[in-house]
């Protein structure tokens, strides 16, 4: 069984499609058909799957894996996550392009450069990308991954910079003088979460 050093999730297997072992697959690639471009795909327990054929079906892909021969075998794979190692992915061509996997573990800084916490994960529940952060020792702090909320991403330097007001972590001062933006972000206060998690960065 293969053990990936730096796994990056590329897809999750959905329901069977037809009776010949094909599966509907939700991909995290730019185009669904690109899932077949990275060689074998691996499960968390080390099993490998080779894409024998793939075609787009809306925002999903219909995939036939070489290792899956019938509907019964396909049904057993529903919900299985598929990964490749980060090393097989091409490097981003533009300075402001990056993989979600590259964000995990980065420091979270505010406008003054103070470290507030770390990036734990990148989520998407259908309304746009959301960063899952640890802030002030609290896990599960969610902010929208938009230009306003995250004005700077510095992969090489190991941090992202957030605007706590745009991220919905502090009030913007409209509720009265006690909520002045200039007072900054206090990580000991319980974050409220984003007002609007929609939209892509």
N, C-alpha and C. Protein backbone atom coordinates (compact mmCIF):
# COMPACT_ATOMS: atom_id res chain seq x y z
N UNK A 1 0.84 -1.19 0.00
CA UNK A 1 0.00 0.00 0.00
C UNK A 1 0.88 1.24 0.00
N UNK A 2 0.49 2.25 -0.79
CA UNK A 2 1.27 3.48 -0.89
C UNK A 2 0.97 4.38 0.28
N UNK A 3 2.02 5.08 0.73
CA UNK A 3 1.87 6.08 1.78
C UNK A 3 2.33 7.41 1.21
N UNK A 4 1.39 8.33 1.02
CA UNK A 4 1.72 9.62 0.45
C UNK A 4 2.35 10.51 1.51
N UNK A 5 3.45 11.18 1.14
CA UNK A 5 4.14 12.05 2.09
C UNK A 5 3.36 13.33 2.33
N UNK A 6 2.77 13.87 1.26
CA UNK A 6 2.04 15.13 1.38
C UNK A 6 0.76 15.02 0.57
N UNK A 7 -0.25 14.32 1.10
CA UNK A 7 -1.46 14.05 0.32
C UNK A 7 -2.30 15.30 0.07
N UNK A 8 -2.82 15.39 -1.14
CA UNK A 8 -3.73 16.46 -1.53
C UNK A 8 -4.99 15.80 -2.06
N UNK A 9 -6.14 16.12 -1.47
CA UNK A 9 -7.39 15.50 -1.93
C UNK A 9 -7.78 16.03 -3.29
N UNK A 10 -8.07 15.11 -4.20
CA UNK A 10 -8.43 15.47 -5.56
C UNK A 10 -9.90 15.20 -5.88
N UNK A 11 -10.53 14.30 -5.12
CA UNK A 11 -11.91 13.93 -5.45
C UNK A 11 -12.52 13.13 -4.31
N UNK A 12 -13.84 12.99 -4.39
CA UNK A 12 -14.56 12.08 -3.51
C UNK A 12 -15.56 11.32 -4.37
N UNK A 13 -15.61 10.01 -4.19
CA UNK A 13 -16.46 9.15 -5.00
C UNK A 13 -17.90 9.23 -4.52
N UNK A 14 -18.81 9.37 -5.48
CA UNK A 14 -20.23 9.41 -5.16
C UNK A 14 -20.91 8.09 -5.48
N UNK A 15 -22.09 8.18 -6.03
CA UNK A 15 -22.92 6.99 -6.28
C UNK A 15 -22.50 6.30 -7.58
N UNK A 16 -22.81 5.01 -7.69
CA UNK A 16 -22.57 4.30 -8.95
C UNK A 16 -23.38 4.93 -10.09
N UNK A 17 -22.87 4.76 -11.31
CA UNK A 17 -23.55 5.26 -12.50
C UNK A 17 -23.69 4.09 -13.47
N UNK A 18 -24.90 3.56 -13.58
CA UNK A 18 -25.11 2.42 -14.46
C UNK A 18 -24.73 1.11 -13.79
N UNK A 19 -24.59 0.08 -14.62
CA UNK A 19 -24.37 -1.28 -14.08
C UNK A 19 -22.98 -1.82 -14.36
N UNK A 20 -22.13 -1.05 -15.03
CA UNK A 20 -20.82 -1.56 -15.44
C UNK A 20 -19.68 -1.10 -14.54
N UNK A 21 -20.01 -0.52 -13.40
CA UNK A 21 -18.96 -0.14 -12.46
C UNK A 21 -18.53 1.31 -12.53
N UNK A 22 -19.17 2.09 -13.41
CA UNK A 22 -18.84 3.50 -13.46
C UNK A 22 -19.36 4.20 -12.20
N UNK A 23 -18.70 5.32 -11.86
CA UNK A 23 -19.05 6.06 -10.65
C UNK A 23 -19.13 7.55 -10.94
N UNK A 24 -20.06 8.19 -10.24
CA UNK A 24 -20.09 9.65 -10.25
C UNK A 24 -19.07 10.13 -9.23
N UNK A 25 -18.22 11.07 -9.64
CA UNK A 25 -17.12 11.53 -8.79
C UNK A 25 -17.12 13.04 -8.74
N UNK A 26 -17.09 13.59 -7.53
CA UNK A 26 -16.92 15.04 -7.35
C UNK A 26 -15.43 15.33 -7.32
N UNK A 27 -14.97 16.13 -8.28
CA UNK A 27 -13.54 16.43 -8.36
C UNK A 27 -13.25 17.82 -7.82
N UNK A 28 -12.01 18.02 -7.39
CA UNK A 28 -11.56 19.32 -6.93
C UNK A 28 -10.51 19.89 -7.87
N UNK A 29 -10.59 19.48 -9.14
CA UNK A 29 -9.72 20.00 -10.18
C UNK A 29 -10.46 21.10 -10.93
N UNK A 30 -9.72 21.91 -11.69
CA UNK A 30 -10.33 23.01 -12.42
C UNK A 30 -11.40 22.52 -13.38
N UNK A 31 -11.10 21.45 -14.11
CA UNK A 31 -12.06 20.80 -15.00
C UNK A 31 -12.22 19.36 -14.52
N UNK A 32 -13.44 18.85 -14.47
CA UNK A 32 -13.64 17.49 -13.95
C UNK A 32 -12.78 16.43 -14.64
N UNK A 33 -12.61 16.57 -15.98
CA UNK A 33 -11.85 15.55 -16.72
C UNK A 33 -10.38 15.54 -16.35
N UNK A 34 -9.88 16.60 -15.74
CA UNK A 34 -8.46 16.68 -15.39
C UNK A 34 -8.07 15.68 -14.32
N UNK A 35 -9.03 15.06 -13.67
CA UNK A 35 -8.72 14.09 -12.62
C UNK A 35 -7.85 12.96 -13.14
N UNK A 36 -7.99 12.64 -14.43
CA UNK A 36 -7.20 11.55 -14.99
C UNK A 36 -5.79 11.93 -15.38
N UNK A 37 -5.38 13.17 -15.14
CA UNK A 37 -4.07 13.65 -15.60
C UNK A 37 -2.94 13.44 -14.61
N UNK A 38 -3.25 12.95 -13.40
CA UNK A 38 -2.24 12.95 -12.33
C UNK A 38 -1.76 11.55 -11.96
N UNK A 39 -2.08 10.56 -12.78
CA UNK A 39 -1.65 9.21 -12.47
C UNK A 39 -2.57 8.55 -11.47
N UNK A 40 -2.07 7.51 -10.78
CA UNK A 40 -2.93 6.79 -9.83
C UNK A 40 -3.44 7.70 -8.72
N UNK A 41 -4.66 7.42 -8.29
CA UNK A 41 -5.27 8.11 -7.16
C UNK A 41 -5.28 7.15 -5.98
N UNK A 42 -5.10 7.69 -4.78
CA UNK A 42 -4.94 6.84 -3.60
C UNK A 42 -5.99 7.15 -2.55
N UNK A 43 -6.43 6.11 -1.85
CA UNK A 43 -7.34 6.29 -0.73
C UNK A 43 -6.51 6.50 0.53
N UNK A 44 -7.17 6.88 1.62
CA UNK A 44 -6.47 7.10 2.88
C UNK A 44 -5.82 5.83 3.40
N UNK A 45 -6.37 4.67 3.07
CA UNK A 45 -5.78 3.42 3.54
C UNK A 45 -4.78 2.83 2.55
N UNK A 46 -4.43 3.59 1.50
CA UNK A 46 -3.34 3.20 0.62
C UNK A 46 -3.72 2.46 -0.64
N UNK A 47 -5.00 2.19 -0.87
CA UNK A 47 -5.40 1.55 -2.12
C UNK A 47 -5.23 2.52 -3.28
N UNK A 48 -4.88 2.00 -4.45
CA UNK A 48 -4.70 2.87 -5.62
C UNK A 48 -5.76 2.57 -6.67
N UNK A 49 -6.13 3.61 -7.41
CA UNK A 49 -7.14 3.50 -8.47
C UNK A 49 -6.64 4.25 -9.70
N UNK A 50 -6.71 3.57 -10.82
CA UNK A 50 -6.29 4.14 -12.10
C UNK A 50 -7.53 4.52 -12.89
N UNK A 51 -7.57 5.75 -13.40
CA UNK A 51 -8.70 6.21 -14.21
C UNK A 51 -8.59 5.57 -15.59
N UNK A 52 -9.56 4.71 -15.93
CA UNK A 52 -9.58 4.08 -17.25
C UNK A 52 -10.32 4.94 -18.26
N UNK A 53 -11.37 5.62 -17.82
CA UNK A 53 -12.09 6.55 -18.69
C UNK A 53 -12.77 7.58 -17.80
N UNK A 54 -12.98 8.77 -18.38
CA UNK A 54 -13.60 9.83 -17.60
C UNK A 54 -14.30 10.78 -18.55
N UNK A 55 -15.47 11.25 -18.13
CA UNK A 55 -16.20 12.25 -18.91
C UNK A 55 -16.94 13.18 -17.96
N UNK A 56 -17.09 14.41 -18.37
CA UNK A 56 -17.79 15.39 -17.54
C UNK A 56 -19.27 15.12 -17.55
N UNK A 57 -19.91 15.39 -16.41
CA UNK A 57 -21.37 15.29 -16.28
C UNK A 57 -21.81 16.43 -15.38
N UNK A 58 -21.99 17.60 -15.98
CA UNK A 58 -22.28 18.79 -15.19
C UNK A 58 -21.04 19.19 -14.42
N UNK A 59 -21.19 19.40 -13.12
CA UNK A 59 -20.03 19.76 -12.30
C UNK A 59 -19.38 18.52 -11.67
N UNK A 60 -19.78 17.35 -12.12
CA UNK A 60 -19.20 16.09 -11.66
C UNK A 60 -18.48 15.43 -12.84
N UNK A 61 -17.88 14.27 -12.55
CA UNK A 61 -17.31 13.44 -13.59
C UNK A 61 -17.87 12.03 -13.44
N UNK A 62 -18.04 11.35 -14.55
CA UNK A 62 -18.37 9.93 -14.54
C UNK A 62 -17.09 9.18 -14.87
N UNK A 63 -16.65 8.34 -13.93
CA UNK A 63 -15.34 7.71 -14.03
C UNK A 63 -15.48 6.20 -14.02
N UNK A 64 -14.70 5.57 -14.86
CA UNK A 64 -14.53 4.12 -14.76
C UNK A 64 -13.10 3.87 -14.32
N UNK A 65 -12.95 3.26 -13.16
CA UNK A 65 -11.63 2.91 -12.66
C UNK A 65 -11.27 1.51 -13.11
N UNK A 66 -10.00 1.29 -13.45
CA UNK A 66 -9.56 -0.02 -13.93
C UNK A 66 -9.82 -1.12 -12.91
N UNK A 67 -9.81 -0.75 -11.63
CA UNK A 67 -9.96 -1.75 -10.57
C UNK A 67 -11.41 -2.06 -10.21
N UNK A 68 -12.37 -1.40 -10.84
CA UNK A 68 -13.79 -1.56 -10.50
C UNK A 68 -14.52 -2.14 -11.69
N UNK A 69 -15.03 -3.37 -11.53
CA UNK A 69 -15.59 -4.07 -12.67
C UNK A 69 -17.10 -4.16 -12.73
N UNK A 70 -17.79 -3.89 -11.61
CA UNK A 70 -19.24 -4.03 -11.64
C UNK A 70 -19.87 -3.08 -10.62
N UNK A 71 -21.19 -3.04 -10.65
CA UNK A 71 -21.91 -2.10 -9.79
C UNK A 71 -21.70 -2.40 -8.31
N UNK A 72 -21.62 -3.68 -7.93
CA UNK A 72 -21.41 -4.02 -6.52
C UNK A 72 -20.10 -3.45 -6.01
N UNK A 73 -19.04 -3.58 -6.80
CA UNK A 73 -17.74 -3.02 -6.40
C UNK A 73 -17.82 -1.50 -6.34
N UNK A 74 -18.58 -0.91 -7.26
CA UNK A 74 -18.72 0.55 -7.27
C UNK A 74 -19.47 1.03 -6.02
N UNK A 75 -20.53 0.32 -5.65
CA UNK A 75 -21.31 0.73 -4.49
C UNK A 75 -20.47 0.74 -3.21
N UNK A 76 -19.50 -0.15 -3.12
CA UNK A 76 -18.66 -0.23 -1.93
C UNK A 76 -17.72 0.97 -1.80
N UNK A 77 -17.57 1.75 -2.86
CA UNK A 77 -16.63 2.88 -2.84
C UNK A 77 -17.31 4.22 -2.58
N UNK A 78 -18.61 4.25 -2.48
CA UNK A 78 -19.31 5.52 -2.26
C UNK A 78 -18.77 6.22 -1.01
N UNK A 79 -18.41 7.50 -1.18
CA UNK A 79 -17.89 8.28 -0.07
C UNK A 79 -16.38 8.22 0.09
N UNK A 80 -15.69 7.43 -0.74
CA UNK A 80 -14.24 7.29 -0.63
C UNK A 80 -13.54 8.53 -1.16
N UNK A 81 -12.60 9.06 -0.38
CA UNK A 81 -11.82 10.21 -0.78
C UNK A 81 -10.57 9.75 -1.53
N UNK A 82 -10.20 10.50 -2.57
CA UNK A 82 -9.05 10.13 -3.40
C UNK A 82 -8.00 11.24 -3.35
N UNK A 83 -6.72 10.82 -3.27
CA UNK A 83 -5.62 11.76 -3.08
C UNK A 83 -4.49 11.48 -4.07
N UNK A 84 -3.67 12.50 -4.30
CA UNK A 84 -2.36 12.33 -4.93
C UNK A 84 -1.35 13.01 -4.02
N UNK A 85 -0.07 12.75 -4.27
CA UNK A 85 0.96 13.45 -3.52
C UNK A 85 1.17 14.83 -4.12
N UNK A 86 1.43 15.79 -3.28
CA UNK A 86 1.63 17.18 -3.73
C UNK A 86 2.71 17.28 -4.79
N UNK A 87 3.68 16.36 -4.76
CA UNK A 87 4.81 16.41 -5.69
C UNK A 87 4.41 16.20 -7.15
N UNK A 88 3.25 15.57 -7.42
CA UNK A 88 2.84 15.33 -8.80
C UNK A 88 2.06 16.51 -9.38
N UNK A 89 1.73 17.48 -8.57
CA UNK A 89 0.98 18.64 -9.05
C UNK A 89 1.92 19.69 -9.60
N UNK A 90 1.59 20.32 -10.72
CA UNK A 90 2.45 21.38 -11.26
C UNK A 90 2.47 22.59 -10.35
N UNK A 91 3.58 23.31 -10.38
CA UNK A 91 3.67 24.52 -9.58
C UNK A 91 2.77 25.59 -10.21
N UNK A 92 2.11 26.42 -9.38
CA UNK A 92 1.28 27.50 -9.92
C UNK A 92 2.10 28.43 -10.82
N UNK A 93 1.48 28.89 -11.90
CA UNK A 93 2.18 29.72 -12.86
C UNK A 93 2.16 31.19 -12.47
N UNK A 94 1.12 31.63 -11.78
CA UNK A 94 0.99 33.03 -11.41
C UNK A 94 1.31 33.23 -9.93
N UNK A 95 1.76 34.43 -9.60
CA UNK A 95 2.14 34.73 -8.23
C UNK A 95 0.97 34.60 -7.26
N UNK A 96 -0.23 34.94 -7.74
CA UNK A 96 -1.39 34.89 -6.85
C UNK A 96 -2.18 33.59 -6.98
N UNK A 97 -1.57 32.56 -7.57
CA UNK A 97 -2.19 31.24 -7.66
C UNK A 97 -1.55 30.31 -6.64
N UNK A 98 -2.35 29.43 -6.07
CA UNK A 98 -1.82 28.49 -5.09
C UNK A 98 -2.84 27.38 -4.91
N UNK A 99 -2.39 26.29 -4.34
CA UNK A 99 -3.27 25.18 -4.01
C UNK A 99 -3.80 25.37 -2.59
N UNK A 100 -5.03 24.94 -2.37
CA UNK A 100 -5.59 25.01 -1.03
C UNK A 100 -4.70 24.29 -0.02
N UNK A 101 -4.10 23.18 -0.44
CA UNK A 101 -3.24 22.42 0.48
C UNK A 101 -2.06 23.26 0.96
N UNK A 102 -1.63 24.22 0.14
CA UNK A 102 -0.48 25.05 0.52
C UNK A 102 -0.85 26.07 1.60
N UNK A 103 -2.14 26.30 1.81
CA UNK A 103 -2.57 27.26 2.83
C UNK A 103 -2.58 26.66 4.23
N UNK A 104 -2.74 25.35 4.30
CA UNK A 104 -2.89 24.69 5.60
C UNK A 104 -1.58 24.80 6.38
N UNK A 105 -1.68 25.27 7.61
CA UNK A 105 -0.51 25.44 8.47
C UNK A 105 0.10 26.81 8.45
N UNK A 106 -0.37 27.68 7.53
CA UNK A 106 0.18 29.03 7.48
C UNK A 106 -0.25 29.83 8.71
N UNK A 107 0.63 30.73 9.14
CA UNK A 107 0.25 31.66 10.21
C UNK A 107 -0.83 32.61 9.72
N UNK A 108 -1.67 33.05 10.63
CA UNK A 108 -2.68 34.07 10.35
C UNK A 108 -2.23 35.35 11.06
N UNK A 109 -2.05 36.42 10.29
CA UNK A 109 -1.60 37.69 10.86
C UNK A 109 -2.65 38.76 10.64
N UNK A 110 -2.61 39.77 11.49
CA UNK A 110 -3.49 40.92 11.29
C UNK A 110 -2.72 42.02 10.56
N UNK A 111 -3.32 43.20 10.43
CA UNK A 111 -2.70 44.28 9.67
C UNK A 111 -1.40 44.78 10.26
N UNK A 112 -1.20 44.60 11.57
CA UNK A 112 0.04 45.04 12.21
C UNK A 112 1.14 43.99 12.12
N UNK A 113 0.81 42.79 11.62
CA UNK A 113 1.79 41.71 11.53
C UNK A 113 1.77 40.77 12.70
N UNK A 114 0.90 41.03 13.69
CA UNK A 114 0.81 40.14 14.86
C UNK A 114 0.20 38.80 14.44
N UNK A 115 0.77 37.71 14.96
CA UNK A 115 0.27 36.37 14.65
C UNK A 115 -0.94 36.07 15.52
N UNK A 116 -2.07 35.77 14.87
CA UNK A 116 -3.32 35.49 15.58
C UNK A 116 -3.59 34.00 15.72
N UNK A 117 -3.06 33.21 14.79
CA UNK A 117 -3.35 31.78 14.82
C UNK A 117 -2.82 31.10 13.58
N UNK A 118 -3.51 30.01 13.16
CA UNK A 118 -3.07 29.22 12.00
C UNK A 118 -4.26 28.80 11.16
N UNK A 119 -3.98 28.51 9.89
CA UNK A 119 -4.98 27.95 8.98
C UNK A 119 -5.03 26.44 9.21
N UNK A 120 -6.24 25.93 9.52
CA UNK A 120 -6.42 24.50 9.75
C UNK A 120 -6.90 23.77 8.50
N UNK A 121 -7.77 24.41 7.72
CA UNK A 121 -8.35 23.74 6.56
C UNK A 121 -9.02 24.77 5.66
N UNK A 122 -9.34 24.34 4.45
CA UNK A 122 -10.13 25.14 3.51
C UNK A 122 -11.39 24.35 3.22
N UNK A 123 -12.54 24.97 3.45
CA UNK A 123 -13.83 24.30 3.26
C UNK A 123 -14.60 24.99 2.14
N UNK A 124 -15.54 24.26 1.57
CA UNK A 124 -16.47 24.85 0.62
C UNK A 124 -17.79 24.10 0.74
N UNK A 125 -18.81 24.78 1.25
CA UNK A 125 -20.12 24.17 1.44
C UNK A 125 -21.11 24.60 0.36
N UNK A 126 -20.56 25.13 -0.74
CA UNK A 126 -21.40 25.51 -1.86
C UNK A 126 -21.53 27.00 -2.07
N UNK A 127 -21.15 27.81 -1.09
CA UNK A 127 -21.28 29.26 -1.20
C UNK A 127 -19.97 29.97 -1.40
N UNK A 128 -18.90 29.24 -1.66
CA UNK A 128 -17.57 29.85 -1.81
C UNK A 128 -16.60 29.26 -0.81
N UNK A 129 -15.32 29.50 -1.04
CA UNK A 129 -14.29 28.95 -0.16
C UNK A 129 -14.31 29.65 1.19
N UNK A 130 -14.08 28.87 2.24
CA UNK A 130 -14.06 29.35 3.61
C UNK A 130 -12.80 28.82 4.28
N UNK A 131 -12.09 29.68 4.99
CA UNK A 131 -10.93 29.26 5.75
C UNK A 131 -11.35 28.86 7.16
N UNK A 132 -10.87 27.72 7.59
CA UNK A 132 -11.10 27.20 8.94
C UNK A 132 -9.82 27.48 9.72
N UNK A 133 -9.92 28.35 10.73
CA UNK A 133 -8.74 28.83 11.44
C UNK A 133 -8.75 28.41 12.90
N UNK A 134 -7.56 28.41 13.49
CA UNK A 134 -7.43 28.41 14.94
C UNK A 134 -7.00 29.82 15.33
N UNK A 135 -7.83 30.49 16.12
CA UNK A 135 -7.57 31.86 16.55
C UNK A 135 -7.66 31.91 18.07
N UNK A 136 -6.63 32.44 18.70
CA UNK A 136 -6.65 32.59 20.15
C UNK A 136 -6.89 31.29 20.87
N UNK A 137 -6.38 30.17 20.32
CA UNK A 137 -6.55 28.87 20.95
C UNK A 137 -7.87 28.19 20.65
N UNK A 138 -8.75 28.85 19.89
CA UNK A 138 -10.06 28.27 19.54
C UNK A 138 -10.04 27.74 18.11
N UNK A 139 -10.44 26.49 17.95
CA UNK A 139 -10.55 25.90 16.62
C UNK A 139 -11.92 26.21 16.02
N UNK A 140 -12.01 26.01 14.71
CA UNK A 140 -13.30 26.14 14.04
C UNK A 140 -13.76 27.56 13.81
N UNK A 141 -12.82 28.51 13.75
CA UNK A 141 -13.17 29.90 13.42
C UNK A 141 -13.21 30.00 11.90
N UNK A 142 -14.38 30.26 11.34
CA UNK A 142 -14.57 30.28 9.89
C UNK A 142 -14.65 31.70 9.38
N UNK A 143 -13.89 31.97 8.30
CA UNK A 143 -13.96 33.28 7.64
C UNK A 143 -14.05 33.06 6.14
N UNK A 144 -14.70 33.98 5.42
CA UNK A 144 -14.77 33.84 3.95
C UNK A 144 -13.40 34.08 3.33
N UNK A 145 -13.06 33.26 2.35
CA UNK A 145 -11.78 33.41 1.66
C UNK A 145 -11.99 34.35 0.47
N UNK A 146 -12.12 35.63 0.80
CA UNK A 146 -12.31 36.68 -0.20
C UNK A 146 -11.16 37.66 -0.12
N UNK A 147 -11.02 38.49 -1.16
CA UNK A 147 -9.95 39.49 -1.18
C UNK A 147 -10.08 40.46 -0.03
N UNK A 148 -11.31 40.82 0.34
CA UNK A 148 -11.52 41.77 1.42
C UNK A 148 -11.11 41.17 2.77
N UNK A 149 -11.50 39.92 3.01
CA UNK A 149 -11.21 39.29 4.29
C UNK A 149 -9.76 38.84 4.41
N UNK A 150 -9.19 38.42 3.27
CA UNK A 150 -7.80 37.93 3.26
C UNK A 150 -7.04 38.69 2.17
N UNK A 151 -6.60 39.91 2.48
CA UNK A 151 -5.98 40.74 1.45
C UNK A 151 -4.59 40.28 1.02
N UNK A 152 -3.94 39.42 1.78
CA UNK A 152 -2.59 38.99 1.41
C UNK A 152 -2.40 37.52 1.72
N UNK A 153 -1.88 36.80 0.73
CA UNK A 153 -1.48 35.40 0.90
C UNK A 153 -0.02 35.31 0.52
N UNK A 154 0.83 34.96 1.47
CA UNK A 154 2.27 34.90 1.26
C UNK A 154 2.74 33.48 1.56
N UNK A 155 2.62 32.60 0.57
CA UNK A 155 2.96 31.20 0.77
C UNK A 155 4.42 31.05 1.15
N UNK A 156 5.31 31.68 0.39
CA UNK A 156 6.75 31.52 0.64
C UNK A 156 7.16 32.02 2.01
N UNK A 157 6.48 33.08 2.46
CA UNK A 157 6.80 33.65 3.77
C UNK A 157 6.06 32.95 4.91
N UNK A 158 5.10 32.09 4.57
CA UNK A 158 4.45 31.27 5.58
C UNK A 158 3.30 31.92 6.32
N UNK A 159 2.59 32.87 5.68
CA UNK A 159 1.46 33.48 6.40
C UNK A 159 0.40 33.99 5.43
N UNK A 160 -0.80 34.20 6.00
CA UNK A 160 -1.82 35.00 5.34
C UNK A 160 -2.11 36.18 6.24
N UNK A 161 -2.55 37.28 5.64
CA UNK A 161 -2.94 38.45 6.41
C UNK A 161 -4.45 38.62 6.28
N UNK A 162 -5.13 38.78 7.41
CA UNK A 162 -6.57 38.96 7.36
C UNK A 162 -6.95 40.34 7.85
N UNK A 163 -8.12 40.78 7.41
CA UNK A 163 -8.76 41.99 7.93
C UNK A 163 -9.86 41.50 8.86
N UNK A 164 -9.67 41.59 10.18
CA UNK A 164 -10.66 41.03 11.11
C UNK A 164 -12.07 41.59 10.94
N UNK A 165 -12.18 42.85 10.50
CA UNK A 165 -13.51 43.42 10.29
C UNK A 165 -14.17 42.81 9.06
N UNK A 166 -13.46 42.79 7.93
CA UNK A 166 -14.01 42.21 6.71
C UNK A 166 -14.27 40.71 6.87
N UNK A 167 -13.47 40.05 7.73
CA UNK A 167 -13.66 38.63 7.97
C UNK A 167 -14.82 38.34 8.90
N UNK A 168 -15.41 39.39 9.50
CA UNK A 168 -16.55 39.20 10.39
C UNK A 168 -16.18 38.79 11.80
N UNK A 169 -14.91 38.99 12.17
CA UNK A 169 -14.47 38.60 13.51
C UNK A 169 -14.68 39.69 14.55
N UNK A 170 -14.79 40.94 14.10
CA UNK A 170 -15.06 42.06 15.01
C UNK A 170 -16.07 42.97 14.33
N UNK A 171 -16.76 43.78 15.11
CA UNK A 171 -17.71 44.74 14.56
C UNK A 171 -16.96 45.85 13.85
N UNK A 172 -17.66 46.48 12.90
CA UNK A 172 -17.02 47.54 12.11
C UNK A 172 -17.22 48.93 12.69
N UNK A 173 -17.78 49.02 13.89
CA UNK A 173 -17.93 50.32 14.53
C UNK A 173 -19.29 50.93 14.35
N UNK A 174 -20.18 50.28 13.59
CA UNK A 174 -21.49 50.87 13.34
C UNK A 174 -22.41 50.78 14.56
N UNK A 175 -22.06 49.87 15.50
CA UNK A 175 -22.95 49.66 16.63
C UNK A 175 -22.70 50.61 17.80
N UNK A 176 -21.71 51.48 17.65
CA UNK A 176 -21.45 52.42 18.74
C UNK A 176 -19.98 52.61 18.98
N UNK A 177 -19.63 53.55 19.87
CA UNK A 177 -18.23 53.87 20.08
C UNK A 177 -17.44 52.76 20.74
N UNK A 178 -18.09 51.82 21.38
CA UNK A 178 -17.35 50.76 22.05
C UNK A 178 -16.80 49.73 21.07
N UNK A 179 -17.23 49.81 19.81
CA UNK A 179 -16.80 48.85 18.82
C UNK A 179 -15.94 49.51 17.75
N UNK A 180 -15.08 50.38 18.17
CA UNK A 180 -14.23 51.12 17.24
C UNK A 180 -13.25 50.17 16.55
N UNK A 181 -13.17 50.25 15.23
CA UNK A 181 -12.28 49.38 14.48
C UNK A 181 -10.83 49.56 14.90
N UNK A 182 -10.46 50.77 15.30
CA UNK A 182 -9.07 51.02 15.64
C UNK A 182 -8.63 50.28 16.89
N UNK A 183 -9.58 49.76 17.66
CA UNK A 183 -9.19 49.01 18.84
C UNK A 183 -8.59 47.66 18.49
N UNK A 184 -8.77 47.23 17.24
CA UNK A 184 -8.14 46.00 16.78
C UNK A 184 -8.91 44.76 17.18
N UNK A 185 -8.29 43.62 16.87
CA UNK A 185 -8.91 42.33 17.10
C UNK A 185 -8.36 41.72 18.37
N UNK A 186 -9.24 41.32 19.26
CA UNK A 186 -8.84 40.68 20.50
C UNK A 186 -9.16 39.19 20.40
N UNK A 187 -8.13 38.33 20.22
CA UNK A 187 -8.40 36.90 20.03
C UNK A 187 -9.00 36.23 21.24
N UNK A 188 -8.98 36.88 22.39
CA UNK A 188 -9.59 36.28 23.57
C UNK A 188 -11.11 36.40 23.55
N UNK A 189 -11.63 37.34 22.71
CA UNK A 189 -13.08 37.43 22.55
C UNK A 189 -13.55 36.30 21.64
N UNK A 190 -14.74 35.80 21.89
CA UNK A 190 -15.27 34.72 21.07
C UNK A 190 -15.66 35.25 19.69
N UNK A 191 -15.05 34.73 18.61
CA UNK A 191 -15.37 35.22 17.27
C UNK A 191 -16.83 34.92 16.92
N UNK A 192 -17.43 35.84 16.15
CA UNK A 192 -18.82 35.66 15.75
C UNK A 192 -18.94 34.89 14.46
N UNK A 193 -17.86 34.78 13.69
CA UNK A 193 -17.95 34.12 12.39
C UNK A 193 -18.34 35.11 11.33
N UNK A 194 -18.26 34.71 10.06
CA UNK A 194 -18.50 35.63 8.96
C UNK A 194 -19.96 35.99 8.82
N UNK A 195 -20.21 37.25 8.42
CA UNK A 195 -21.59 37.65 8.10
C UNK A 195 -22.02 37.03 6.77
N UNK A 196 -21.07 36.93 5.85
CA UNK A 196 -21.40 36.43 4.52
C UNK A 196 -20.25 35.57 4.03
N UNK A 197 -20.47 34.28 3.93
CA UNK A 197 -19.42 33.37 3.51
C UNK A 197 -19.42 33.16 2.01
N UNK A 198 -20.26 33.84 1.28
CA UNK A 198 -20.37 33.60 -0.15
C UNK A 198 -19.27 34.28 -0.94
N UNK A 199 -19.10 33.81 -2.17
CA UNK A 199 -18.15 34.44 -3.09
C UNK A 199 -16.79 33.82 -2.99
N UNK A 200 -16.10 33.77 -4.13
CA UNK A 200 -14.75 33.23 -4.18
C UNK A 200 -13.75 34.36 -4.13
N UNK A 201 -12.57 34.00 -3.70
CA UNK A 201 -11.51 34.99 -3.56
C UNK A 201 -11.16 35.59 -4.90
